[in-house]
Amino acid sequence: DRAEYPILLHCQRGADRTGLVAAAIMLLQDGTDYADARHYLSWRYGHVELGRPARMCQFFDLYEAWLAEEAALLNP
């Protein structure tokens, strides 16, 4: 929250870890749609959901499940 922008992110291919961090940063911003943030881990940005990089999507799967549980608790 206190970082100066722009922020430089780097990983070996610039797709997997960078996409994960970019999506997480987007989720911290007010008004960012969940689907828009998750899109940073997609084919468009070079992320291929195979092997170890596929595990990065597990973060969003868990987060999405948590969001659904929270919504169910708030709106029974």
N, C-alpha and C. Protein backbone atom coordinates (compact mmCIF):
# COMPACT_ATOMS: atom_id res chain seq x y z
N ASP A 1 0.81 -1.21 0.00
CA ASP A 1 0.00 0.00 0.00
C ASP A 1 0.85 1.27 0.00
N ARG A 2 2.06 1.17 0.48
CA ARG A 2 2.89 2.37 0.58
C ARG A 2 3.95 2.45 -0.50
N ALA A 3 3.95 1.50 -1.42
CA ALA A 3 4.96 1.49 -2.48
C ALA A 3 4.69 2.64 -3.46
N GLU A 4 5.77 3.14 -4.00
CA GLU A 4 5.64 4.15 -5.04
C GLU A 4 5.43 3.45 -6.37
N TYR A 5 4.59 4.01 -7.19
CA TYR A 5 4.31 3.44 -8.50
C TYR A 5 5.09 4.18 -9.56
N PRO A 6 5.46 3.55 -10.66
CA PRO A 6 5.18 2.16 -11.01
C PRO A 6 6.06 1.20 -10.24
N ILE A 7 5.60 -0.04 -10.12
CA ILE A 7 6.32 -1.09 -9.44
C ILE A 7 6.87 -2.05 -10.50
N LEU A 8 8.13 -2.40 -10.42
CA LEU A 8 8.74 -3.34 -11.34
C LEU A 8 8.67 -4.73 -10.74
N LEU A 9 8.09 -5.66 -11.49
CA LEU A 9 8.00 -7.06 -11.08
C LEU A 9 8.77 -7.90 -12.08
N HIS A 10 9.47 -8.90 -11.59
CA HIS A 10 10.27 -9.72 -12.49
C HIS A 10 10.22 -11.18 -12.09
N CYS A 11 10.16 -12.04 -13.08
CA CYS A 11 10.35 -13.47 -12.89
C CYS A 11 11.04 -13.99 -14.15
N GLN A 12 11.36 -15.23 -14.19
CA GLN A 12 12.18 -15.78 -15.27
C GLN A 12 11.58 -15.50 -16.66
N ARG A 13 10.30 -15.79 -16.84
CA ARG A 13 9.67 -15.56 -18.14
C ARG A 13 8.77 -14.34 -18.13
N GLY A 14 8.55 -13.76 -16.96
CA GLY A 14 7.68 -12.59 -16.89
C GLY A 14 6.21 -12.92 -16.97
N ALA A 15 5.84 -14.15 -16.67
CA ALA A 15 4.44 -14.54 -16.81
C ALA A 15 3.84 -15.08 -15.53
N ASP A 16 4.50 -15.99 -14.88
CA ASP A 16 3.87 -16.72 -13.78
C ASP A 16 3.90 -15.94 -12.46
N ARG A 17 5.06 -15.83 -11.86
CA ARG A 17 5.12 -15.10 -10.59
C ARG A 17 4.75 -13.64 -10.76
N THR A 18 5.15 -13.06 -11.87
CA THR A 18 4.79 -11.67 -12.12
C THR A 18 3.28 -11.53 -12.25
N GLY A 19 2.65 -12.46 -12.95
CA GLY A 19 1.19 -12.42 -13.09
C GLY A 19 0.48 -12.59 -11.76
N LEU A 20 1.01 -13.48 -10.92
CA LEU A 20 0.42 -13.70 -9.61
C LEU A 20 0.49 -12.43 -8.76
N VAL A 21 1.65 -11.81 -8.73
CA VAL A 21 1.82 -10.59 -7.93
C VAL A 21 0.99 -9.45 -8.51
N ALA A 22 0.98 -9.32 -9.82
CA ALA A 22 0.18 -8.26 -10.45
C ALA A 22 -1.29 -8.42 -10.11
N ALA A 23 -1.78 -9.65 -10.16
CA ALA A 23 -3.18 -9.90 -9.82
C ALA A 23 -3.45 -9.60 -8.36
N ALA A 24 -2.54 -9.99 -7.48
CA ALA A 24 -2.72 -9.71 -6.05
C ALA A 24 -2.74 -8.21 -5.79
N ILE A 25 -1.87 -7.48 -6.45
CA ILE A 25 -1.85 -6.03 -6.29
C ILE A 25 -3.16 -5.43 -6.78
N MET A 26 -3.66 -5.93 -7.90
CA MET A 26 -4.93 -5.44 -8.42
C MET A 26 -6.06 -5.69 -7.43
N LEU A 27 -6.04 -6.85 -6.76
CA LEU A 27 -7.08 -7.16 -5.79
C LEU A 27 -7.05 -6.23 -4.59
N LEU A 28 -5.88 -5.66 -4.31
CA LEU A 28 -5.77 -4.72 -3.19
C LEU A 28 -6.30 -3.33 -3.54
N GLN A 29 -6.49 -3.07 -4.82
CA GLN A 29 -6.98 -1.77 -5.26
C GLN A 29 -8.51 -1.73 -5.14
N ASP A 30 -9.03 -0.62 -4.71
CA ASP A 30 -10.48 -0.46 -4.62
C ASP A 30 -11.09 -0.48 -6.02
N GLY A 31 -12.21 -1.16 -6.15
CA GLY A 31 -12.96 -1.15 -7.40
C GLY A 31 -12.46 -2.10 -8.47
N THR A 32 -11.46 -2.92 -8.17
CA THR A 32 -10.97 -3.87 -9.16
C THR A 32 -11.84 -5.11 -9.14
N ASP A 33 -12.30 -5.51 -10.30
CA ASP A 33 -13.12 -6.70 -10.44
C ASP A 33 -12.25 -7.95 -10.28
N TYR A 34 -12.77 -8.94 -9.58
CA TYR A 34 -12.01 -10.17 -9.34
C TYR A 34 -11.58 -10.82 -10.66
N ALA A 35 -12.48 -10.92 -11.62
CA ALA A 35 -12.16 -11.56 -12.90
C ALA A 35 -11.07 -10.80 -13.64
N ASP A 36 -11.09 -9.47 -13.55
CA ASP A 36 -10.05 -8.67 -14.20
C ASP A 36 -8.69 -8.95 -13.58
N ALA A 37 -8.65 -9.07 -12.26
CA ALA A 37 -7.38 -9.34 -11.57
C ALA A 37 -6.87 -10.74 -11.92
N ARG A 38 -7.76 -11.70 -11.91
CA ARG A 38 -7.35 -13.08 -12.20
C ARG A 38 -6.86 -13.23 -13.65
N HIS A 39 -7.31 -12.36 -14.52
CA HIS A 39 -6.92 -12.43 -15.93
C HIS A 39 -5.41 -12.25 -16.13
N TYR A 40 -4.72 -11.67 -15.14
CA TYR A 40 -3.27 -11.52 -15.25
C TYR A 40 -2.55 -12.87 -15.27
N LEU A 41 -3.21 -13.91 -14.80
CA LEU A 41 -2.67 -15.27 -14.91
C LEU A 41 -3.43 -15.97 -16.03
N SER A 42 -3.16 -15.57 -17.26
CA SER A 42 -3.85 -16.15 -18.41
C SER A 42 -2.89 -16.30 -19.59
N TRP A 43 -3.37 -16.96 -20.63
CA TRP A 43 -2.57 -17.15 -21.84
C TRP A 43 -2.12 -15.82 -22.41
N ARG A 44 -2.98 -14.81 -22.29
CA ARG A 44 -2.65 -13.50 -22.88
C ARG A 44 -1.33 -12.96 -22.35
N TYR A 45 -1.05 -13.23 -21.09
CA TYR A 45 0.17 -12.73 -20.46
C TYR A 45 1.26 -13.80 -20.37
N GLY A 46 1.08 -14.91 -21.08
CA GLY A 46 2.10 -15.93 -21.15
C GLY A 46 2.04 -17.00 -20.09
N HIS A 47 1.00 -16.98 -19.25
CA HIS A 47 0.87 -17.99 -18.20
C HIS A 47 0.23 -19.25 -18.78
N VAL A 48 0.90 -20.37 -18.62
CA VAL A 48 0.38 -21.66 -19.07
C VAL A 48 0.11 -22.50 -17.82
N GLU A 49 -1.11 -22.92 -17.65
CA GLU A 49 -1.52 -23.61 -16.43
C GLU A 49 -1.17 -25.09 -16.49
N LEU A 50 0.12 -25.38 -16.58
CA LEU A 50 0.63 -26.74 -16.61
C LEU A 50 1.79 -26.87 -15.64
N GLY A 51 1.92 -28.03 -15.02
CA GLY A 51 3.05 -28.27 -14.12
C GLY A 51 3.00 -27.36 -12.90
N ARG A 52 4.17 -26.96 -12.44
CA ARG A 52 4.26 -26.12 -11.24
C ARG A 52 3.55 -24.79 -11.38
N PRO A 53 3.60 -24.12 -12.53
CA PRO A 53 2.88 -22.85 -12.64
C PRO A 53 1.37 -22.97 -12.42
N ALA A 54 0.81 -24.16 -12.63
CA ALA A 54 -0.62 -24.35 -12.40
C ALA A 54 -0.98 -24.14 -10.94
N ARG A 55 -0.03 -24.37 -10.06
CA ARG A 55 -0.28 -24.19 -8.62
C ARG A 55 -0.58 -22.74 -8.27
N MET A 56 -0.09 -21.82 -9.08
CA MET A 56 -0.35 -20.40 -8.80
C MET A 56 -1.83 -20.08 -8.91
N CYS A 57 -2.52 -20.80 -9.76
CA CYS A 57 -3.95 -20.59 -9.90
C CYS A 57 -4.71 -21.10 -8.69
N GLN A 58 -4.10 -22.01 -7.93
CA GLN A 58 -4.74 -22.53 -6.72
C GLN A 58 -5.00 -21.39 -5.72
N PHE A 59 -4.13 -20.39 -5.68
CA PHE A 59 -4.35 -19.24 -4.81
C PHE A 59 -5.70 -18.61 -5.13
N PHE A 60 -5.97 -18.41 -6.42
CA PHE A 60 -7.23 -17.78 -6.81
C PHE A 60 -8.41 -18.70 -6.61
N ASP A 61 -8.22 -20.00 -6.78
CA ASP A 61 -9.30 -20.95 -6.50
C ASP A 61 -9.68 -20.89 -5.02
N LEU A 62 -8.68 -20.87 -4.15
CA LEU A 62 -8.93 -20.77 -2.71
C LEU A 62 -9.56 -19.42 -2.35
N TYR A 63 -9.06 -18.37 -2.95
CA TYR A 63 -9.59 -17.03 -2.68
C TYR A 63 -11.04 -16.92 -3.15
N GLU A 64 -11.34 -17.48 -4.32
CA GLU A 64 -12.70 -17.45 -4.84
C GLU A 64 -13.65 -18.23 -3.93
N ALA A 65 -13.21 -19.37 -3.42
CA ALA A 65 -14.02 -20.15 -2.49
C ALA A 65 -14.26 -19.37 -1.20
N TRP A 66 -13.22 -18.68 -0.72
CA TRP A 66 -13.36 -17.87 0.49
C TRP A 66 -14.34 -16.73 0.26
N LEU A 67 -14.26 -16.07 -0.90
CA LEU A 67 -15.21 -15.00 -1.21
C LEU A 67 -16.64 -15.51 -1.21
N ALA A 68 -16.87 -16.70 -1.77
CA ALA A 68 -18.21 -17.28 -1.81
C ALA A 68 -18.70 -17.59 -0.40
N GLU A 69 -17.82 -18.12 0.45
CA GLU A 69 -18.21 -18.42 1.83
C GLU A 69 -18.55 -17.15 2.59
N GLU A 70 -17.76 -16.11 2.41
CA GLU A 70 -18.02 -14.84 3.07
C GLU A 70 -19.35 -14.24 2.60
N ALA A 71 -19.62 -14.32 1.31
CA ALA A 71 -20.87 -13.79 0.76
C ALA A 71 -22.05 -14.57 1.33
N ALA A 72 -21.90 -15.89 1.48
CA ALA A 72 -22.98 -16.72 2.04
C ALA A 72 -23.24 -16.37 3.50
N LEU A 73 -22.18 -16.05 4.25
CA LEU A 73 -22.35 -15.66 5.64
C LEU A 73 -23.02 -14.30 5.78
N LEU A 74 -22.71 -13.39 4.86
CA LEU A 74 -23.28 -12.05 4.92
C LEU A 74 -24.69 -11.99 4.40
N ASN A 75 -25.03 -12.90 3.49
CA ASN A 75 -26.36 -12.93 2.87
C ASN A 75 -26.96 -14.32 2.97
N PRO A 76 -27.38 -14.71 4.17
CA PRO A 76 -27.88 -16.09 4.35
C PRO A 76 -29.16 -16.38 3.61
